[in-house]
Amino acid sequence: MKILDIKQNLPVEQRGQAADAIASEAYWRVRDPVYGSVGVISLLQQQIYAVQSELAETQAQIALHSAQQQQHRQQNQVQLENHPYGLDDSQQFGLDQGPSGPQNPPNFP
């Protein structure tokens, strides 16, 4: 009877929403007799906090990786600028000339 009294004291436009809230709370109270919907809300909040923490960690890793990439690019640029002769094509493409200059390929019959 108490629920009907509460519902009767509400404005007509809010009664449907109140009925939905009461039904929802009853559903969750059956599923979790101790905590009801509060238990579900608490569980969802814990999941949100865990995901937010994971997101912050991922963003930090991305920022660190980006900073390392930028530092690497800057170091490469400084090395290029400070190289006394510049880099020729073989050095730019990682070709090894060895200590005595370019190596001739072996002759195959």
C-alpha atoms as a PDB file:
ATOM      1  CA  MET A   1       0.000   0.000   0.000  1.00  0.00           C
ATOM      2  CA  LYS A   2       2.855   2.342   0.714  1.00  0.00           C
ATOM      3  CA  ILE A   3       4.056   2.336  -2.913  1.00  0.00           C
ATOM      4  CA  LEU A   4       0.596   3.296  -4.109  1.00  0.00           C
ATOM      5  CA  ASP A   5       0.525   6.169  -1.616  1.00  0.00           C
ATOM      6  CA  ILE A   6       3.877   7.427  -2.894  1.00  0.00           C
ATOM      7  CA  LYS A   7       2.705   7.125  -6.485  1.00  0.00           C
ATOM      8  CA  GLN A   8      -0.555   8.968  -5.752  1.00  0.00           C
ATOM      9  CA  ASN A   9       1.360  11.910  -4.251  1.00  0.00           C
ATOM     10  CA  LEU A  10       3.420  12.413  -7.412  1.00  0.00           C
ATOM     11  CA  PRO A  11       2.387  14.615 -10.321  1.00  0.00           C
ATOM     12  CA  VAL A  12       0.756  12.603 -13.105  1.00  0.00           C
ATOM     13  CA  GLU A  13       3.656  13.211 -15.540  1.00  0.00           C
ATOM     14  CA  GLN A  14       6.139  11.607 -13.091  1.00  0.00           C
ATOM     15  CA  ARG A  15       4.119   8.510 -12.177  1.00  0.00           C
ATOM     16  CA  GLY A  16       5.296   6.414 -15.120  1.00  0.00           C
ATOM     17  CA  GLN A  17       8.933   7.131 -14.355  1.00  0.00           C
ATOM     18  CA  ALA A  18       8.336   6.331 -10.681  1.00  0.00           C
ATOM     19  CA  ALA A  19       6.691   3.010 -11.588  1.00  0.00           C
ATOM     20  CA  ASP A  20       9.676   2.134 -13.784  1.00  0.00           C
ATOM     21  CA  ALA A  21      12.106   2.990 -10.974  1.00  0.00           C
ATOM     22  CA  ILE A  22      10.162   0.891  -8.468  1.00  0.00           C
ATOM     23  CA  ALA A  23      10.003  -2.062 -10.869  1.00  0.00           C
ATOM     24  CA  SER A  24      13.718  -1.775 -11.581  1.00  0.00           C
ATOM     25  CA  GLU A  25      14.603  -1.677  -7.897  1.00  0.00           C
ATOM     26  CA  ALA A  26      12.358  -4.708  -7.259  1.00  0.00           C
ATOM     27  CA  TYR A  27      14.089  -6.613 -10.070  1.00  0.00           C
ATOM     28  CA  TRP A  28      17.562  -5.875  -8.710  1.00  0.00           C
ATOM     29  CA  ARG A  29      16.470  -6.561  -5.141  1.00  0.00           C
ATOM     30  CA  VAL A  30      15.395 -10.067  -6.220  1.00  0.00           C
ATOM     31  CA  ARG A  31      18.751 -10.611  -7.946  1.00  0.00           C
ATOM     32  CA  ASP A  32      20.734  -9.153  -5.025  1.00  0.00           C
ATOM     33  CA  PRO A  33      18.641  -9.165  -1.821  1.00  0.00           C
ATOM     34  CA  VAL A  34      21.272  -7.295   0.210  1.00  0.00           C
ATOM     35  CA  TYR A  35      22.302  -4.457  -2.075  1.00  0.00           C
ATOM     36  CA  GLY A  36      19.733  -4.392  -4.880  1.00  0.00           C
ATOM     37  CA  SER A  37      20.421  -1.755  -7.529  1.00  0.00           C
ATOM     38  CA  VAL A  38      23.081  -0.130  -5.325  1.00  0.00           C
ATOM     39  CA  GLY A  39      25.197  -3.262  -5.716  1.00  0.00           C
ATOM     40  CA  VAL A  40      24.913  -3.068  -9.507  1.00  0.00           C
ATOM     41  CA  ILE A  41      25.760   0.642  -9.479  1.00  0.00           C
ATOM     42  CA  SER A  42      28.790  -0.040  -7.284  1.00  0.00           C
ATOM     43  CA  LEU A  43      29.965  -2.810  -9.602  1.00  0.00           C
ATOM     44  CA  LEU A  44      29.560  -0.555 -12.644  1.00  0.00           C
ATOM     45  CA  GLN A  45      31.500   2.236 -10.913  1.00  0.00           C
ATOM     46  CA  GLN A  46      34.345  -0.175 -10.160  1.00  0.00           C
ATOM     47  CA  GLN A  47      34.418  -1.218 -13.817  1.00  0.00           C
ATOM     48  CA  ILE A  48      34.442   2.431 -14.922  1.00  0.00           C
ATOM     49  CA  TYR A  49      37.360   3.221 -12.603  1.00  0.00           C
ATOM     50  CA  ALA A  50      39.295   0.185 -13.866  1.00  0.00           C
ATOM     51  CA  VAL A  51      38.747   1.141 -17.510  1.00  0.00           C
ATOM     52  CA  GLN A  52      39.652   4.791 -16.800  1.00  0.00           C
ATOM     53  CA  SER A  53      42.865   3.628 -15.160  1.00  0.00           C
ATOM     54  CA  GLU A  54      43.663   1.395 -18.132  1.00  0.00           C
ATOM     55  CA  LEU A  55      42.939   4.271 -20.508  1.00  0.00           C
ATOM     56  CA  ALA A  56      45.233   6.620 -18.567  1.00  0.00           C
ATOM     57  CA  GLU A  57      48.009   4.015 -18.621  1.00  0.00           C
ATOM     58  CA  THR A  58      47.587   3.507 -22.368  1.00  0.00           C
ATOM     59  CA  GLN A  59      47.627   7.271 -22.988  1.00  0.00           C
ATOM     60  CA  ALA A  60      50.818   7.552 -20.924  1.00  0.00           C
ATOM     61  CA  GLN A  61      52.441   4.767 -22.947  1.00  0.00           C
ATOM     62  CA  ILE A  62      51.446   6.487 -26.195  1.00  0.00           C
ATOM     63  CA  ALA A  63      52.861   9.806 -24.953  1.00  0.00           C
ATOM     64  CA  LEU A  64      56.108   8.112 -23.914  1.00  0.00           C
ATOM     65  CA  HIS A  65      56.412   6.330 -27.248  1.00  0.00           C
ATOM     66  CA  SER A  66      55.732   9.572 -29.130  1.00  0.00           C
ATOM     67  CA  ALA A  67      58.349  11.425 -27.073  1.00  0.00           C
ATOM     68  CA  GLN A  68      60.904   8.680 -27.729  1.00  0.00           C
ATOM     69  CA  GLN A  69      60.168   8.791 -31.460  1.00  0.00           C
ATOM     70  CA  GLN A  70      60.544  12.581 -31.492  1.00  0.00           C
ATOM     71  CA  GLN A  71      63.821  12.360 -29.584  1.00  0.00           C
ATOM     72  CA  HIS A  72      65.093   9.705 -32.002  1.00  0.00           C
ATOM     73  CA  ARG A  73      64.188  11.906 -34.997  1.00  0.00           C
ATOM     74  CA  GLN A  74      65.942  14.891 -33.425  1.00  0.00           C
ATOM     75  CA  GLN A  75      69.076  12.839 -32.708  1.00  0.00           C
ATOM     76  CA  ASN A  76      69.143  11.620 -36.307  1.00  0.00           C
ATOM     77  CA  GLN A  77      68.729  15.184 -37.573  1.00  0.00           C
ATOM     78  CA  VAL A  78      71.607  16.403 -35.375  1.00  0.00           C
ATOM     79  CA  GLN A  79      73.810  13.552 -36.610  1.00  0.00           C
ATOM     80  CA  LEU A  80      73.026  14.433 -40.213  1.00  0.00           C
ATOM     81  CA  GLU A  81      73.739  18.113 -39.614  1.00  0.00           C
ATOM     82  CA  ASN A  82      77.019  17.369 -37.796  1.00  0.00           C
ATOM     83  CA  HIS A  83      78.370  14.805 -40.250  1.00  0.00           C
ATOM     84  CA  PRO A  84      81.475  16.416 -41.831  1.00  0.00           C
ATOM     85  CA  TYR A  85      80.910  15.061 -45.339  1.00  0.00           C
ATOM     86  CA  GLY A  86      77.199  14.452 -45.350  1.00  0.00           C
ATOM     87  CA  LEU A  87      75.883  11.039 -46.225  1.00  0.00           C
ATOM     88  CA  ASP A  88      76.229   9.541 -49.655  1.00  0.00           C
ATOM     89  CA  ASP A  89      73.588   7.251 -51.137  1.00  0.00           C
ATOM     90  CA  SER A  90      75.216   4.054 -49.866  1.00  0.00           C
ATOM     91  CA  GLN A  91      75.161   5.315 -46.259  1.00  0.00           C
ATOM     92  CA  GLN A  92      71.618   6.633 -46.546  1.00  0.00           C
ATOM     93  CA  PHE A  93      70.384   3.247 -47.679  1.00  0.00           C
ATOM     94  CA  GLY A  94      72.464   1.250 -45.196  1.00  0.00           C
ATOM     95  CA  LEU A  95      74.833  -0.282 -47.739  1.00  0.00           C
ATOM     96  CA  ASP A  96      78.053  -1.485 -46.147  1.00  0.00           C
ATOM     97  CA  GLN A  97      81.155  -0.442 -48.018  1.00  0.00           C
ATOM     98  CA  GLY A  98      83.552  -2.020 -45.584  1.00  0.00           C
ATOM     99  CA  PRO A  99      86.872  -0.512 -44.469  1.00  0.00           C
ATOM    100  CA  SER A 100      88.398  -0.420 -47.957  1.00  0.00           C
ATOM    101  CA  GLY A 101      85.495   1.124 -49.852  1.00  0.00           C
ATOM    102  CA  PRO A 102      82.775  -0.547 -51.916  1.00  0.00           C
ATOM    103  CA  GLN A 103      82.966  -4.316 -52.071  1.00  0.00           C
ATOM    104  CA  ASN A 104      82.754  -5.955 -55.477  1.00  0.00           C
ATOM    105  CA  PRO A 105      80.216  -8.744 -55.753  1.00  0.00           C
ATOM    106  CA  PRO A 106      81.694 -12.217 -56.283  1.00  0.00           C
ATOM    107  CA  ASN A 107      82.018 -13.431 -59.857  1.00  0.00           C
ATOM    108  CA  PHE A 108      79.761 -16.361 -60.547  1.00  0.00           C
ATOM    109  CA  PRO A 109      80.312 -18.554 -63.586  1.00  0.00           C
END
